[in-house]
Amino acid sequence: MNYFLIVNPTSGRGMGEKSIPAIEQSLREAGISYTLQRTQRPWQAAELAEQAARDGYEVVVSAGGDGTLNEVINGLMRAKKSGFTQTALAVLAIGTGNDFAGGMGIPSQFEKSIQTLIANRRKKIDVGWLQSEEFPEGRYFGNGVGIGFDAAVGFAALQLRWLRGMPAYLVGVVQTVFFYYKPPLLKISLDGKTLQQRSLMVSIMNGNRMGGGFRMTPNSKPDDGMFDLCIAATAGKLRIFQLLPRFISGTQEGQPEIRMERAKRVEITALEGNFPAHADGETLCTAGKTIRLEIVPAALELLAP
């Protein structure tokens, strides 16, 4: 086996760099040939992943958080469009939220995730594609896109340097509840079916969780050729706090503000106001007006238990 490891040394508040000696020792003991490269700037992981696929590496490993993984997926998909389709994706979840890994069943414990690499069991997964004013050429995502309140919370959580995972997002919720703008009036098209409402947030998911563990679409499957959506109507401050435990446990379906949908193609337009949005935790926009999304079925091979 020939692995190319892309390590974000700053991921997980520096956990990426600290993990490198243990990663290398484990791979050497397993007899796996590898090349390891640290990232030093934004979007370098995408460039490295694309070149690794072109160079014939069998597996590209994203060692970092969801942002690093998003770049790696974009690099592999760009290589695939050019005919380099033989490279599988693997994940070492050493970031802050690790939502992609959690949704795919990849262990968050370091030793178990290393064993997933060594075992080299694979499954096909879907990948999302989006296009917006900020990304007219389009880009890919693995876990999900968050629009509205969800994105604003994520942006707030990124500023909390002393917390990781769900605790950071919970603090972000508190901050955002008291400063969040008026929810926009959205036109949401789902495979041609249209609904219109003021929406606190819209989550378009390939995986099933965001924010370090909030189960936005608990029944989502990454290999069924469909997005799962969680659409939340306007809610007051107290009601948002009441709904939080349901999102943590994945029991929000059936609540009056919540609508769950499935679709292959989604288009969202702000008829009044605008929205912040993220893809896999990476900022797409802070004042968006339109975004189009499409599922790409069975797009990549993933090493998973």
C-alpha atoms as a PDB file:
ATOM      1  CA  MET A   1       0.000   0.000   0.000  1.00  0.00           C
ATOM      2  CA  ASN A   2       1.142   3.512  -0.805  1.00  0.00           C
ATOM      3  CA  TYR A   3      -0.425   6.269   1.341  1.00  0.00           C
ATOM      4  CA  PHE A   4      -0.120  10.048   1.037  1.00  0.00           C
ATOM      5  CA  LEU A   5      -0.802  11.757   4.380  1.00  0.00           C
ATOM      6  CA  ILE A   6      -1.842  15.397   4.465  1.00  0.00           C
ATOM      7  CA  VAL A   7      -1.487  16.753   8.001  1.00  0.00           C
ATOM      8  CA  ASN A   8      -2.804  20.095   9.157  1.00  0.00           C
ATOM      9  CA  PRO A   9      -0.394  20.835  12.030  1.00  0.00           C
ATOM     10  CA  THR A  10      -2.684  23.480  13.560  1.00  0.00           C
ATOM     11  CA  SER A  11      -5.854  21.362  13.585  1.00  0.00           C
ATOM     12  CA  GLY A  12      -7.390  20.488  16.937  1.00  0.00           C
ATOM     13  CA  ARG A  13      -5.570  23.359  18.647  1.00  0.00           C
ATOM     14  CA  GLY A  14      -2.212  21.896  17.633  1.00  0.00           C
ATOM     15  CA  MET A  15      -3.144  18.220  17.931  1.00  0.00           C
ATOM     16  CA  GLY A  16      -2.237  17.704  14.285  1.00  0.00           C
ATOM     17  CA  GLU A  17       1.467  18.385  14.822  1.00  0.00           C
ATOM     18  CA  LYS A  18       1.564  16.442  18.098  1.00  0.00           C
ATOM     19  CA  SER A  19       0.061  13.377  16.410  1.00  0.00           C
ATOM     20  CA  ILE A  20       2.668  13.045  13.660  1.00  0.00           C
ATOM     21  CA  PRO A  21       5.208  10.839  15.546  1.00  0.00           C
ATOM     22  CA  ALA A  22       2.491   8.354  16.567  1.00  0.00           C
ATOM     23  CA  ILE A  23       1.046   8.291  13.037  1.00  0.00           C
ATOM     24  CA  GLU A  24       4.424   7.540  11.487  1.00  0.00           C
ATOM     25  CA  GLN A  25       5.307   4.872  14.047  1.00  0.00           C
ATOM     26  CA  SER A  26       1.966   3.087  13.528  1.00  0.00           C
ATOM     27  CA  LEU A  27       2.319   3.041   9.741  1.00  0.00           C
ATOM     28  CA  ARG A  28       5.917   1.841   9.869  1.00  0.00           C
ATOM     29  CA  GLU A  29       4.958  -0.986  12.220  1.00  0.00           C
ATOM     30  CA  ALA A  30       2.163  -1.987   9.825  1.00  0.00           C
ATOM     31  CA  GLY A  31       4.586  -2.039   6.896  1.00  0.00           C
ATOM     32  CA  ILE A  32       2.719   0.697   5.009  1.00  0.00           C
ATOM     33  CA  SER A  33       4.674   2.863   2.596  1.00  0.00           C
ATOM     34  CA  TYR A  34       3.762   6.518   2.988  1.00  0.00           C
ATOM     35  CA  THR A  35       4.615  10.121   2.236  1.00  0.00           C
ATOM     36  CA  LEU A  36       3.706  12.782   4.794  1.00  0.00           C
ATOM     37  CA  GLN A  37       3.213  16.451   4.024  1.00  0.00           C
ATOM     38  CA  ARG A  38       2.245  19.248   6.418  1.00  0.00           C
ATOM     39  CA  THR A  39      -0.007  22.030   5.161  1.00  0.00           C
ATOM     40  CA  GLN A  40       1.200  25.582   5.515  1.00  0.00           C
ATOM     41  CA  ARG A  41      -1.562  27.672   3.927  1.00  0.00           C
ATOM     42  CA  PRO A  42      -5.246  27.582   2.975  1.00  0.00           C
ATOM     43  CA  TRP A  43      -6.219  25.326   0.058  1.00  0.00           C
ATOM     44  CA  GLN A  44      -2.827  23.603  -0.005  1.00  0.00           C
ATOM     45  CA  ALA A  45      -4.479  20.342   1.102  1.00  0.00           C
ATOM     46  CA  ALA A  46      -6.602  20.402  -2.064  1.00  0.00           C
ATOM     47  CA  GLU A  47      -3.534  20.887  -4.231  1.00  0.00           C
ATOM     48  CA  LEU A  48      -1.637  18.106  -2.461  1.00  0.00           C
ATOM     49  CA  ALA A  49      -4.555  15.683  -2.702  1.00  0.00           C
ATOM     50  CA  GLU A  50      -5.047  16.318  -6.409  1.00  0.00           C
ATOM     51  CA  GLN A  51      -1.352  15.838  -7.143  1.00  0.00           C
ATOM     52  CA  ALA A  52      -1.195  12.684  -5.024  1.00  0.00           C
ATOM     53  CA  ALA A  53      -4.047  11.179  -7.044  1.00  0.00           C
ATOM     54  CA  ARG A  54      -2.325  12.143 -10.284  1.00  0.00           C
ATOM     55  CA  ASP A  55       0.894  10.550  -8.977  1.00  0.00           C
ATOM     56  CA  GLY A  56      -0.879   7.240  -8.404  1.00  0.00           C
ATOM     57  CA  TYR A  57      -1.111   7.052  -4.619  1.00  0.00           C
ATOM     58  CA  GLU A  58      -3.635   4.413  -3.559  1.00  0.00           C
ATOM     59  CA  VAL A  59      -4.895   6.323  -0.509  1.00  0.00           C
ATOM     60  CA  VAL A  60      -4.875   9.995   0.472  1.00  0.00           C
ATOM     61  CA  VAL A  61      -5.251  10.516   4.221  1.00  0.00           C
ATOM     62  CA  SER A  62      -6.726  13.713   5.620  1.00  0.00           C
ATOM     63  CA  ALA A  63      -5.192  14.168   9.084  1.00  0.00           C
ATOM     64  CA  GLY A  64      -6.957  17.178  10.540  1.00  0.00           C
ATOM     65  CA  GLY A  65     -10.448  18.509  10.984  1.00  0.00           C
ATOM     66  CA  ASP A  66     -13.447  18.950   8.740  1.00  0.00           C
ATOM     67  CA  GLY A  67     -11.877  21.938   6.981  1.00  0.00           C
ATOM     68  CA  THR A  68      -8.805  19.978   5.957  1.00  0.00           C
ATOM     69  CA  LEU A  69     -11.034  17.137   4.830  1.00  0.00           C
ATOM     70  CA  ASN A  70     -13.128  19.510   2.719  1.00  0.00           C
ATOM     71  CA  GLU A  71     -10.005  20.600   0.862  1.00  0.00           C
ATOM     72  CA  VAL A  72      -8.840  17.010   0.363  1.00  0.00           C
ATOM     73  CA  ILE A  73     -12.223  16.030  -1.080  1.00  0.00           C
ATOM     74  CA  ASN A  74     -12.060  18.953  -3.496  1.00  0.00           C
ATOM     75  CA  GLY A  75      -8.584  17.895  -4.610  1.00  0.00           C
ATOM     76  CA  LEU A  76      -9.593  14.273  -5.139  1.00  0.00           C
ATOM     77  CA  MET A  77     -12.730  15.255  -7.046  1.00  0.00           C
ATOM     78  CA  ARG A  78     -10.764  17.562  -9.324  1.00  0.00           C
ATOM     79  CA  ALA A  79      -8.365  14.709 -10.039  1.00  0.00           C
ATOM     80  CA  LYS A  80     -11.290  12.384 -10.681  1.00  0.00           C
ATOM     81  CA  LYS A  81     -12.736  14.787 -13.260  1.00  0.00           C
ATOM     82  CA  SER A  82      -9.392  14.542 -15.077  1.00  0.00           C
ATOM     83  CA  GLY A  83      -9.550  10.733 -15.106  1.00  0.00           C
ATOM     84  CA  PHE A  84      -7.500   9.874 -12.002  1.00  0.00           C
ATOM     85  CA  THR A  85     -10.063   7.723 -10.214  1.00  0.00           C
ATOM     86  CA  GLN A  86      -7.990   5.086  -8.399  1.00  0.00           C
ATOM     87  CA  THR A  87      -7.284   6.989  -5.155  1.00  0.00           C
ATOM     88  CA  ALA A  88      -9.325   6.326  -2.008  1.00  0.00           C
ATOM     89  CA  LEU A  89      -9.941   8.763   0.860  1.00  0.00           C
ATOM     90  CA  ALA A  90      -9.046   8.098   4.484  1.00  0.00           C
ATOM     91  CA  VAL A  91      -9.508  10.229   7.594  1.00  0.00           C
ATOM     92  CA  LEU A  92      -7.634  10.688  10.847  1.00  0.00           C
ATOM     93  CA  ALA A  93     -10.025  12.786  12.916  1.00  0.00           C
ATOM     94  CA  ILE A  94      -7.793  15.152  14.875  1.00  0.00           C
ATOM     95  CA  GLY A  95      -9.720  18.381  14.394  1.00  0.00           C
ATOM     96  CA  THR A  96     -12.160  20.400  16.475  1.00  0.00           C
ATOM     97  CA  GLY A  97     -15.544  19.061  15.387  1.00  0.00           C
ATOM     98  CA  ASN A  98     -14.769  15.901  13.372  1.00  0.00           C
ATOM     99  CA  ASP A  99     -18.359  15.743  12.133  1.00  0.00           C
ATOM    100  CA  PHE A 100     -17.589  14.017   8.837  1.00  0.00           C
ATOM    101  CA  ALA A 101     -15.749  11.197  10.593  1.00  0.00           C
ATOM    102  CA  GLY A 102     -18.472  10.845  13.212  1.00  0.00           C
ATOM    103  CA  GLY A 103     -21.174  10.636  10.584  1.00  0.00           C
ATOM    104  CA  MET A 104     -19.244   8.043   8.581  1.00  0.00           C
ATOM    105  CA  GLY A 105     -18.620   5.787  11.575  1.00  0.00           C
ATOM    106  CA  ILE A 106     -14.893   6.509  11.661  1.00  0.00           C
ATOM    107  CA  PRO A 107     -13.614   6.315  15.256  1.00  0.00           C
ATOM    108  CA  SER A 108     -12.504   9.524  16.915  1.00  0.00           C
ATOM    109  CA  GLN A 109     -10.083   7.650  19.203  1.00  0.00           C
ATOM    110  CA  PHE A 110      -6.642   7.912  17.663  1.00  0.00           C
ATOM    111  CA  GLU A 111      -5.621   4.267  18.000  1.00  0.00           C
ATOM    112  CA  LYS A 112      -8.880   2.995  16.500  1.00  0.00           C
ATOM    113  CA  SER A 113      -8.738   5.440  13.604  1.00  0.00           C
ATOM    114  CA  ILE A 114      -5.184   4.307  12.821  1.00  0.00           C
ATOM    115  CA  GLN A 115      -6.441   0.736  12.711  1.00  0.00           C
ATOM    116  CA  THR A 116      -9.073   1.824  10.173  1.00  0.00           C
ATOM    117  CA  LEU A 117      -6.243   3.029   7.932  1.00  0.00           C
ATOM    118  CA  ILE A 118      -4.342  -0.211   8.305  1.00  0.00           C
ATOM    119  CA  ALA A 119      -7.381  -2.452   7.724  1.00  0.00           C
ATOM    120  CA  ASN A 120      -8.058  -0.719   4.368  1.00  0.00           C
ATOM    121  CA  ARG A 121     -11.759  -1.642   4.213  1.00  0.00           C
ATOM    122  CA  ARG A 122     -13.567   0.555   1.721  1.00  0.00           C
ATOM    123  CA  LYS A 123     -17.041   1.758   0.863  1.00  0.00           C
ATOM    124  CA  LYS A 124     -18.403   4.143  -1.752  1.00  0.00           C
ATOM    125  CA  ILE A 125     -19.815   7.443  -0.508  1.00  0.00           C
ATOM    126  CA  ASP A 126     -21.667  10.330  -2.109  1.00  0.00           C
ATOM    127  CA  VAL A 127     -20.218  13.829  -2.285  1.00  0.00           C
ATOM    128  CA  GLY A 128     -22.051  17.149  -2.444  1.00  0.00           C
ATOM    129  CA  TRP A 129     -21.437  19.861  -5.022  1.00  0.00           C
ATOM    130  CA  LEU A 130     -22.455  23.518  -4.663  1.00  0.00           C
ATOM    131  CA  GLN A 131     -22.421  26.707  -6.678  1.00  0.00           C
ATOM    132  CA  SER A 132     -22.967  30.255  -5.392  1.00  0.00           C
ATOM    133  CA  GLU A 133     -22.077  33.871  -6.139  1.00  0.00           C
ATOM    134  CA  GLU A 134     -18.835  33.414  -4.207  1.00  0.00           C
ATOM    135  CA  PHE A 135     -18.046  30.104  -5.949  1.00  0.00           C
ATOM    136  CA  PRO A 136     -19.424  30.415  -9.498  1.00  0.00           C
ATOM    137  CA  GLU A 137     -17.151  27.600 -10.653  1.00  0.00           C
ATOM    138  CA  GLY A 138     -18.501  25.341  -7.913  1.00  0.00           C
ATOM    139  CA  ARG A 139     -16.891  23.335  -5.113  1.00  0.00           C
ATOM    140  CA  TYR A 140     -17.431  20.019  -3.325  1.00  0.00           C
ATOM    141  CA  PHE A 141     -18.239  19.065   0.251  1.00  0.00           C
ATOM    142  CA  GLY A 142     -18.373  15.810   2.175  1.00  0.00           C
ATOM    143  CA  ASN A 143     -20.509  16.295   5.267  1.00  0.00           C
ATOM    144  CA  GLY A 144     -22.945  19.136   4.803  1.00  0.00           C
ATOM    145  CA  VAL A 145     -23.813  22.773   4.192  1.00  0.00           C
ATOM    146  CA  GLY A 146     -25.283  24.965   6.911  1.00  0.00           C
ATOM    147  CA  ILE A 147     -27.256  28.114   6.139  1.00  0.00           C
ATOM    148  CA  GLY A 148     -28.375  30.739   8.644  1.00  0.00           C
ATOM    149  CA  PHE A 149     -28.202  30.248  12.405  1.00  0.00           C
ATOM    150  CA  ASP A 150     -26.122  27.069  12.128  1.00  0.00           C
ATOM    151  CA  ALA A 151     -23.443  28.896  10.099  1.00  0.00           C
ATOM    152  CA  ALA A 152     -23.408  31.905  12.416  1.00  0.00           C
ATOM    153  CA  VAL A 153     -22.893  29.603  15.415  1.00  0.00           C
ATOM    154  CA  GLY A 154     -19.998  27.885  13.657  1.00  0.00           C
ATOM    155  CA  PHE A 155     -18.330  31.204  12.895  1.00  0.00           C
ATOM    156  CA  ALA A 156     -18.640  32.212  16.557  1.00  0.00           C
ATOM    157  CA  ALA A 157     -17.260  28.863  17.747  1.00  0.00           C
ATOM    158  CA  LEU A 158     -14.141  29.270  15.601  1.00  0.00           C
ATOM    159  CA  GLN A 159     -13.200  32.327  17.641  1.00  0.00           C
ATOM    160  CA  LEU A 160     -13.132  30.337  20.891  1.00  0.00           C
ATOM    161  CA  ARG A 161      -9.536  29.233  21.082  1.00  0.00           C
ATOM    162  CA  TRP A 162      -9.839  27.567  24.500  1.00  0.00           C
ATOM    163  CA  LEU A 163     -12.627  25.124  23.603  1.00  0.00           C
ATOM    164  CA  ARG A 164     -13.054  22.257  21.146  1.00  0.00           C
ATOM    165  CA  GLY A 165     -15.964  20.272  19.780  1.00  0.00           C
ATOM    166  CA  MET A 166     -19.502  20.623  21.052  1.00  0.00           C
ATOM    167  CA  PRO A 167     -18.649  22.873  24.056  1.00  0.00           C
ATOM    168  CA  ALA A 168     -17.331  25.516  21.644  1.00  0.00           C
ATOM    169  CA  TYR A 169     -20.509  25.305  19.593  1.00  0.00           C
ATOM    170  CA  LEU A 170     -22.720  25.561  22.679  1.00  0.00           C
ATOM    171  CA  VAL A 171     -20.974  28.783  23.665  1.00  0.00           C
ATOM    172  CA  GLY A 172     -21.374  29.900  20.056  1.00  0.00           C
ATOM    173  CA  VAL A 173     -25.121  29.239  20.307  1.00  0.00           C
ATOM    174  CA  VAL A 174     -25.408  31.499  23.360  1.00  0.00           C
ATOM    175  CA  GLN A 175     -23.486  34.283  21.635  1.00  0.00           C
ATOM    176  CA  THR A 176     -25.424  33.960  18.387  1.00  0.00           C
ATOM    177  CA  VAL A 177     -28.879  33.828  19.979  1.00  0.00           C
ATOM    178  CA  PHE A 178     -28.421  37.331  21.334  1.00  0.00           C
ATOM    179  CA  PHE A 179     -26.802  38.877  18.252  1.00  0.00           C
ATOM    180  CA  TYR A 180     -28.302  36.962  15.322  1.00  0.00           C
ATOM    181  CA  TYR A 181     -30.040  38.976  12.622  1.00  0.00           C
ATOM    182  CA  LYS A 182     -33.673  38.606  11.584  1.00  0.00           C
ATOM    183  CA  PRO A 183     -34.053  35.270   9.728  1.00  0.00           C
ATOM    184  CA  PRO A 184     -34.379  35.805   5.960  1.00  0.00           C
ATOM    185  CA  LEU A 185     -37.344  34.934   3.806  1.00  0.00           C
ATOM    186  CA  LEU A 186     -36.144  31.949   1.777  1.00  0.00           C
ATOM    187  CA  LYS A 187     -37.345  30.235  -1.354  1.00  0.00           C
ATOM    188  CA  ILE A 188     -36.262  26.598  -1.083  1.00  0.00           C
ATOM    189  CA  SER A 189     -36.483  24.357  -4.151  1.00  0.00           C
ATOM    190  CA  LEU A 190     -36.184  20.586  -3.599  1.00  0.00           C
ATOM    191  CA  ASP A 191     -36.080  18.583  -6.839  1.00  0.00           C
ATOM    192  CA  GLY A 192     -38.474  21.134  -8.305  1.00  0.00           C
ATOM    193  CA  LYS A 193     -40.828  21.276  -5.294  1.00  0.00           C
ATOM    194  CA  THR A 194     -40.809  24.760  -3.775  1.00  0.00           C
ATOM    195  CA  LEU A 195     -41.517  26.103  -0.311  1.00  0.00           C
ATOM    196  CA  GLN A 196     -41.219  29.651   0.967  1.00  0.00           C
ATOM    197  CA  GLN A 197     -40.748  30.699   4.591  1.00  0.00           C
ATOM    198  CA  ARG A 198     -38.667  32.687   7.019  1.00  0.00           C
ATOM    199  CA  SER A 199     -36.046  30.170   8.086  1.00  0.00           C
ATOM    200  CA  LEU A 200     -33.815  30.264  11.124  1.00  0.00           C
ATOM    201  CA  MET A 201     -31.567  27.710   9.426  1.00  0.00           C
ATOM    202  CA  VAL A 202     -31.338  25.112   6.693  1.00  0.00           C
ATOM    203  CA  SER A 203     -28.944  22.157   6.929  1.00  0.00           C
ATOM    204  CA  ILE A 204     -28.290  20.208   3.723  1.00  0.00           C
ATOM    205  CA  MET A 205     -26.602  16.989   4.786  1.00  0.00           C
ATOM    206  CA  ASN A 206     -24.686  14.115   3.261  1.00  0.00           C
ATOM    207  CA  GLY A 207     -23.510  13.039   6.712  1.00  0.00           C
ATOM    208  CA  ASN A 208     -25.747  13.296   9.761  1.00  0.00           C
ATOM    209  CA  ARG A 209     -24.172  15.694  12.251  1.00  0.00           C
ATOM    210  CA  MET A 210     -22.679  19.186  12.543  1.00  0.00           C
ATOM    211  CA  GLY A 211     -21.247  21.404  15.231  1.00  0.00           C
ATOM    212  CA  GLY A 212     -19.226  18.737  16.979  1.00  0.00           C
ATOM    213  CA  GLY A 213     -22.175  16.395  17.463  1.00  0.00           C
ATOM    214  CA  PHE A 214     -25.518  18.082  16.765  1.00  0.00           C
ATOM    215  CA  ARG A 215     -27.519  15.408  14.915  1.00  0.00           C
ATOM    216  CA  MET A 216     -29.104  17.544  12.225  1.00  0.00           C
ATOM    217  CA  THR A 217     -30.374  14.629  10.128  1.00  0.00           C
ATOM    218  CA  PRO A 218     -29.969  11.457  12.199  1.00  0.00           C
ATOM    219  CA  ASN A 219     -31.342   9.157   9.479  1.00  0.00           C
ATOM    220  CA  SER A 220     -29.050  10.429   6.718  1.00  0.00           C
ATOM    221  CA  LYS A 221     -26.941   7.889   4.824  1.00  0.00           C
ATOM    222  CA  PRO A 222     -23.868   8.943   2.827  1.00  0.00           C
ATOM    223  CA  ASP A 223     -24.373   6.316   0.135  1.00  0.00           C
ATOM    224  CA  ASP A 224     -28.055   6.662  -0.830  1.00  0.00           C
ATOM    225  CA  GLY A 225     -27.725   9.304  -3.564  1.00  0.00           C
ATOM    226  CA  MET A 226     -29.803  11.856  -1.615  1.00  0.00           C
ATOM    227  CA  PHE A 227     -29.345  14.900   0.585  1.00  0.00           C
ATOM    228  CA  ASP A 228     -31.224  14.957   3.883  1.00  0.00           C
ATOM    229  CA  LEU A 229     -32.386  18.395   4.991  1.00  0.00           C
ATOM    230  CA  CYS A 230     -33.356  19.902   8.320  1.00  0.00           C
ATOM    231  CA  ILE A 231     -35.269  23.149   7.799  1.00  0.00           C
ATOM    232  CA  ALA A 232     -36.064  25.262  10.866  1.00  0.00           C
ATOM    233  CA  ALA A 233     -38.609  28.069  10.772  1.00  0.00           C
ATOM    234  CA  THR A 234     -38.287  31.226  12.843  1.00  0.00           C
ATOM    235  CA  ALA A 235     -38.060  30.616  16.592  1.00  0.00           C
ATOM    236  CA  GLY A 236     -37.684  32.884  19.603  1.00  0.00           C
ATOM    237  CA  LYS A 237     -34.656  32.920  21.871  1.00  0.00           C
ATOM    238  CA  LEU A 238     -36.196  30.750  24.588  1.00  0.00           C
ATOM    239  CA  ARG A 239     -37.515  28.284  22.014  1.00  0.00           C
ATOM    240  CA  ILE A 240     -34.043  27.924  20.458  1.00  0.00           C
ATOM    241  CA  PHE A 241     -32.662  26.866  23.836  1.00  0.00           C
ATOM    242  CA  GLN A 242     -35.563  24.439  24.263  1.00  0.00           C
ATOM    243  CA  LEU A 243     -34.790  22.848  20.898  1.00  0.00           C
ATOM    244  CA  LEU A 244     -31.040  22.420  21.555  1.00  0.00           C
ATOM    245  CA  PRO A 245     -31.327  19.123  23.478  1.00  0.00           C
ATOM    246  CA  ARG A 246     -33.404  17.689  20.648  1.00  0.00           C
ATOM    247  CA  PHE A 247     -30.721  18.498  18.089  1.00  0.00           C
ATOM    248  CA  ILE A 248     -28.111  16.879  20.328  1.00  0.00           C
ATOM    249  CA  SER A 249     -30.191  13.709  20.628  1.00  0.00           C
ATOM    250  CA  GLY A 250     -31.509  13.833  17.059  1.00  0.00           C
ATOM    251  CA  THR A 251     -35.175  13.992  18.120  1.00  0.00           C
ATOM    252  CA  GLN A 252     -36.131  17.355  16.585  1.00  0.00           C
ATOM    253  CA  GLU A 253     -38.326  15.838  13.872  1.00  0.00           C
ATOM    254  CA  GLY A 254     -41.997  16.450  14.626  1.00  0.00           C
ATOM    255  CA  GLN A 255     -41.429  19.754  16.413  1.00  0.00           C
ATOM    256  CA  PRO A 256     -43.627  22.513  14.924  1.00  0.00           C
ATOM    257  CA  GLU A 257     -40.686  24.597  13.703  1.00  0.00           C
ATOM    258  CA  ILE A 258     -38.847  21.673  12.092  1.00  0.00           C
ATOM    259  CA  ARG A 259     -39.288  20.203   8.636  1.00  0.00           C
ATOM    260  CA  MET A 260     -37.249  17.241   7.389  1.00  0.00           C
ATOM    261  CA  GLU A 261     -36.888  16.711   3.638  1.00  0.00           C
ATOM    262  CA  ARG A 262     -34.847  14.697   1.124  1.00  0.00           C
ATOM    263  CA  ALA A 263     -33.687  15.738  -2.355  1.00  0.00           C
ATOM    264  CA  LYS A 264     -31.008  15.245  -4.992  1.00  0.00           C
ATOM    265  CA  ARG A 265     -30.969  18.901  -6.052  1.00  0.00           C
ATOM    266  CA  VAL A 266     -31.511  21.926  -3.831  1.00  0.00           C
ATOM    267  CA  GLU A 267     -31.653  25.634  -4.622  1.00  0.00           C
ATOM    268  CA  ILE A 268     -32.032  28.296  -1.926  1.00  0.00           C
ATOM    269  CA  THR A 269     -32.662  31.983  -2.621  1.00  0.00           C
ATOM    270  CA  ALA A 270     -33.072  34.791  -0.105  1.00  0.00           C
ATOM    271  CA  LEU A 271     -36.123  36.766  -1.221  1.00  0.00           C
ATOM    272  CA  GLU A 272     -35.672  39.172   1.700  1.00  0.00           C
ATOM    273  CA  GLY A 273     -32.435  39.615   3.607  1.00  0.00           C
ATOM    274  CA  ASN A 274     -29.409  37.338   3.160  1.00  0.00           C
ATOM    275  CA  PHE A 275     -27.721  34.435   4.908  1.00  0.00           C
ATOM    276  CA  PRO A 276     -24.344  33.209   6.173  1.00  0.00           C
ATOM    277  CA  ALA A 277     -23.347  29.744   4.972  1.00  0.00           C
ATOM    278  CA  HIS A 278     -20.614  27.174   5.485  1.00  0.00           C
ATOM    279  CA  ALA A 279     -19.600  23.909   3.837  1.00  0.00           C
ATOM    280  CA  ASP A 280     -18.012  21.356   6.187  1.00  0.00           C
ATOM    281  CA  GLY A 281     -17.367  24.232   8.603  1.00  0.00           C
ATOM    282  CA  GLU A 282     -15.565  26.324   5.988  1.00  0.00           C
ATOM    283  CA  THR A 283     -17.026  29.772   5.297  1.00  0.00           C
ATOM    284  CA  LEU A 284     -18.885  30.107   2.015  1.00  0.00           C
ATOM    285  CA  CYS A 285     -20.361  33.555   2.607  1.00  0.00           C
ATOM    286  CA  THR A 286     -21.563  35.915   5.321  1.00  0.00           C
ATOM    287  CA  ALA A 287     -24.323  37.586   3.279  1.00  0.00           C
ATOM    288  CA  GLY A 288     -25.358  35.141   0.580  1.00  0.00           C
ATOM    289  CA  LYS A 289     -28.364  35.416  -1.703  1.00  0.00           C
ATOM    290  CA  THR A 290     -28.435  32.183  -3.729  1.00  0.00           C
ATOM    291  CA  ILE A 291     -26.884  28.726  -3.493  1.00  0.00           C
ATOM    292  CA  ARG A 292     -27.415  25.618  -5.621  1.00  0.00           C
ATOM    293  CA  LEU A 293     -26.492  22.109  -4.482  1.00  0.00           C
ATOM    294  CA  GLU A 294     -26.427  18.686  -6.109  1.00  0.00           C
ATOM    295  CA  ILE A 295     -25.515  15.219  -4.854  1.00  0.00           C
ATOM    296  CA  VAL A 296     -22.810  13.278  -6.716  1.00  0.00           C
ATOM    297  CA  PRO A 297     -23.603   9.586  -6.075  1.00  0.00           C
ATOM    298  CA  ALA A 298     -20.857   7.073  -5.227  1.00  0.00           C
ATOM    299  CA  ALA A 299     -18.223   9.719  -5.891  1.00  0.00           C
ATOM    300  CA  LEU A 300     -15.356   8.468  -3.703  1.00  0.00           C
ATOM    301  CA  GLU A 301     -14.067   5.365  -1.970  1.00  0.00           C
ATOM    302  CA  LEU A 302     -13.656   5.868   1.788  1.00  0.00           C
ATOM    303  CA  LEU A 303     -11.671   3.750   4.237  1.00  0.00           C
ATOM    304  CA  ALA A 304     -14.128   3.041   7.060  1.00  0.00           C
ATOM    305  CA  PRO A 305     -14.923   0.261   9.534  1.00  0.00           C
END
